[in-house]
Amino acid sequence: MIICSKNSVDISFVIFSTIGDKSIYLHGGRLNDENQDSSLTYNIIQSFNLLKKININYVDLEGVNSPK
């Protein structure tokens, strides 16, 4: 889970699962009603960087309910 904080307050999060060299987006959201920031986008980008560092080669952004 990647959490974005501002002034020591958590404001958004994203969760990915990993299996082997593949990853699946599971869930993400803001932790407050304010949607005037880019924290969720920041979290997705940070997640990609982290997944790359742990040798993930495939990311499914449609999530667990993606049609096959």
C-alpha atoms as a PDB file:
ATOM      1  CA  MET A   1       0.000   0.000   0.000  1.00  0.00           C
ATOM      2  CA  ILE A   2       1.249   3.468  -0.905  1.00  0.00           C
ATOM      3  CA  ILE A   3      -0.041   6.293   1.283  1.00  0.00           C
ATOM      4  CA  CYS A   4       0.253  10.003   0.506  1.00  0.00           C
ATOM      5  CA  SER A   5       0.409  12.350   3.494  1.00  0.00           C
ATOM      6  CA  LYS A   6       0.282  16.116   3.807  1.00  0.00           C
ATOM      7  CA  ASN A   7       1.287  17.825   7.058  1.00  0.00           C
ATOM      8  CA  SER A   8       1.468  14.368   8.711  1.00  0.00           C
ATOM      9  CA  VAL A   9      -2.156  13.611   7.734  1.00  0.00           C
ATOM     10  CA  ASP A  10      -2.872  10.717   5.344  1.00  0.00           C
ATOM     11  CA  ILE A  11      -4.868  11.995   2.362  1.00  0.00           C
ATOM     12  CA  SER A  12      -4.894   9.158  -0.209  1.00  0.00           C
ATOM     13  CA  PHE A  13      -3.804   5.584  -0.830  1.00  0.00           C
ATOM     14  CA  VAL A  14      -3.421   2.896  -3.508  1.00  0.00           C
ATOM     15  CA  ILE A  15      -3.143  -0.863  -3.115  1.00  0.00           C
ATOM     16  CA  PHE A  16      -1.539  -3.246  -5.621  1.00  0.00           C
ATOM     17  CA  SER A  17      -1.095  -6.997  -5.327  1.00  0.00           C
ATOM     18  CA  THR A  18       1.944  -8.726  -6.783  1.00  0.00           C
ATOM     19  CA  ILE A  19       2.316 -12.296  -7.995  1.00  0.00           C
ATOM     20  CA  GLY A  20       5.668 -13.197  -9.492  1.00  0.00           C
ATOM     21  CA  ASP A  21       6.561 -10.404 -11.917  1.00  0.00           C
ATOM     22  CA  LYS A  22       2.939  -9.234 -12.335  1.00  0.00           C
ATOM     23  CA  SER A  23       0.941  -6.700 -10.377  1.00  0.00           C
ATOM     24  CA  ILE A  24      -2.795  -5.919 -10.169  1.00  0.00           C
ATOM     25  CA  TYR A  25      -4.349  -2.638  -9.064  1.00  0.00           C
ATOM     26  CA  LEU A  26      -6.794  -3.466  -6.280  1.00  0.00           C
ATOM     27  CA  HIS A  27      -8.065  -0.222  -4.802  1.00  0.00           C
ATOM     28  CA  GLY A  28      -7.277   3.428  -4.270  1.00  0.00           C
ATOM     29  CA  GLY A  29      -8.957   6.545  -3.018  1.00  0.00           C
ATOM     30  CA  ARG A  30      -8.879   9.744  -1.074  1.00  0.00           C
ATOM     31  CA  LEU A  31      -9.335   9.747   2.672  1.00  0.00           C
ATOM     32  CA  ASN A  32     -11.239  13.047   2.728  1.00  0.00           C
ATOM     33  CA  ASP A  33     -13.816  14.852   0.601  1.00  0.00           C
ATOM     34  CA  GLU A  34     -11.367  17.370  -0.827  1.00  0.00           C
ATOM     35  CA  ASN A  35     -10.466  16.555  -4.419  1.00  0.00           C
ATOM     36  CA  GLN A  36      -8.423  19.632  -5.266  1.00  0.00           C
ATOM     37  CA  ASP A  37      -5.035  17.914  -5.100  1.00  0.00           C
ATOM     38  CA  SER A  38      -3.058  15.446  -7.197  1.00  0.00           C
ATOM     39  CA  SER A  39      -2.325  13.005  -4.381  1.00  0.00           C
ATOM     40  CA  LEU A  40      -3.975  10.032  -6.075  1.00  0.00           C
ATOM     41  CA  THR A  41      -2.038  10.620  -9.305  1.00  0.00           C
ATOM     42  CA  TYR A  42       1.130  11.010  -7.254  1.00  0.00           C
ATOM     43  CA  ASN A  43       0.426   7.658  -5.551  1.00  0.00           C
ATOM     44  CA  ILE A  44      -0.051   5.857  -8.870  1.00  0.00           C
ATOM     45  CA  ILE A  45       3.259   7.245 -10.189  1.00  0.00           C
ATOM     46  CA  GLN A  46       5.060   6.330  -6.965  1.00  0.00           C
ATOM     47  CA  SER A  47       3.544   2.842  -7.194  1.00  0.00           C
ATOM     48  CA  PHE A  48       4.932   2.398 -10.715  1.00  0.00           C
ATOM     49  CA  ASN A  49       8.381   3.432  -9.488  1.00  0.00           C
ATOM     50  CA  LEU A  50       8.215   1.005  -6.552  1.00  0.00           C
ATOM     51  CA  LEU A  51       6.925  -1.849  -8.721  1.00  0.00           C
ATOM     52  CA  LYS A  52       9.765  -1.261 -11.188  1.00  0.00           C
ATOM     53  CA  LYS A  53      12.310  -1.439  -8.357  1.00  0.00           C
ATOM     54  CA  ILE A  54      11.002  -4.867  -7.312  1.00  0.00           C
ATOM     55  CA  ASN A  55      11.169  -6.152 -10.926  1.00  0.00           C
ATOM     56  CA  ILE A  56       7.467  -6.107 -11.778  1.00  0.00           C
ATOM     57  CA  ASN A  57       7.178  -6.369 -15.569  1.00  0.00           C
ATOM     58  CA  TYR A  58       3.384  -6.237 -16.033  1.00  0.00           C
ATOM     59  CA  VAL A  59       0.782  -4.032 -14.339  1.00  0.00           C
ATOM     60  CA  ASP A  60      -2.962  -4.677 -14.741  1.00  0.00           C
ATOM     61  CA  LEU A  61      -4.719  -1.350 -14.078  1.00  0.00           C
ATOM     62  CA  GLU A  62      -8.216  -2.710 -14.676  1.00  0.00           C
ATOM     63  CA  GLY A  63      -8.025  -4.542 -11.360  1.00  0.00           C
ATOM     64  CA  VAL A  64      -9.377  -7.846 -10.182  1.00  0.00           C
ATOM     65  CA  ASN A  65     -12.644  -7.526 -12.158  1.00  0.00           C
ATOM     66  CA  SER A  66     -10.995  -6.949 -15.533  1.00  0.00           C
ATOM     67  CA  PRO A  67     -12.631  -8.744 -18.454  1.00  0.00           C
ATOM     68  CA  LYS A  68     -10.461 -11.333 -20.162  1.00  0.00           C
END
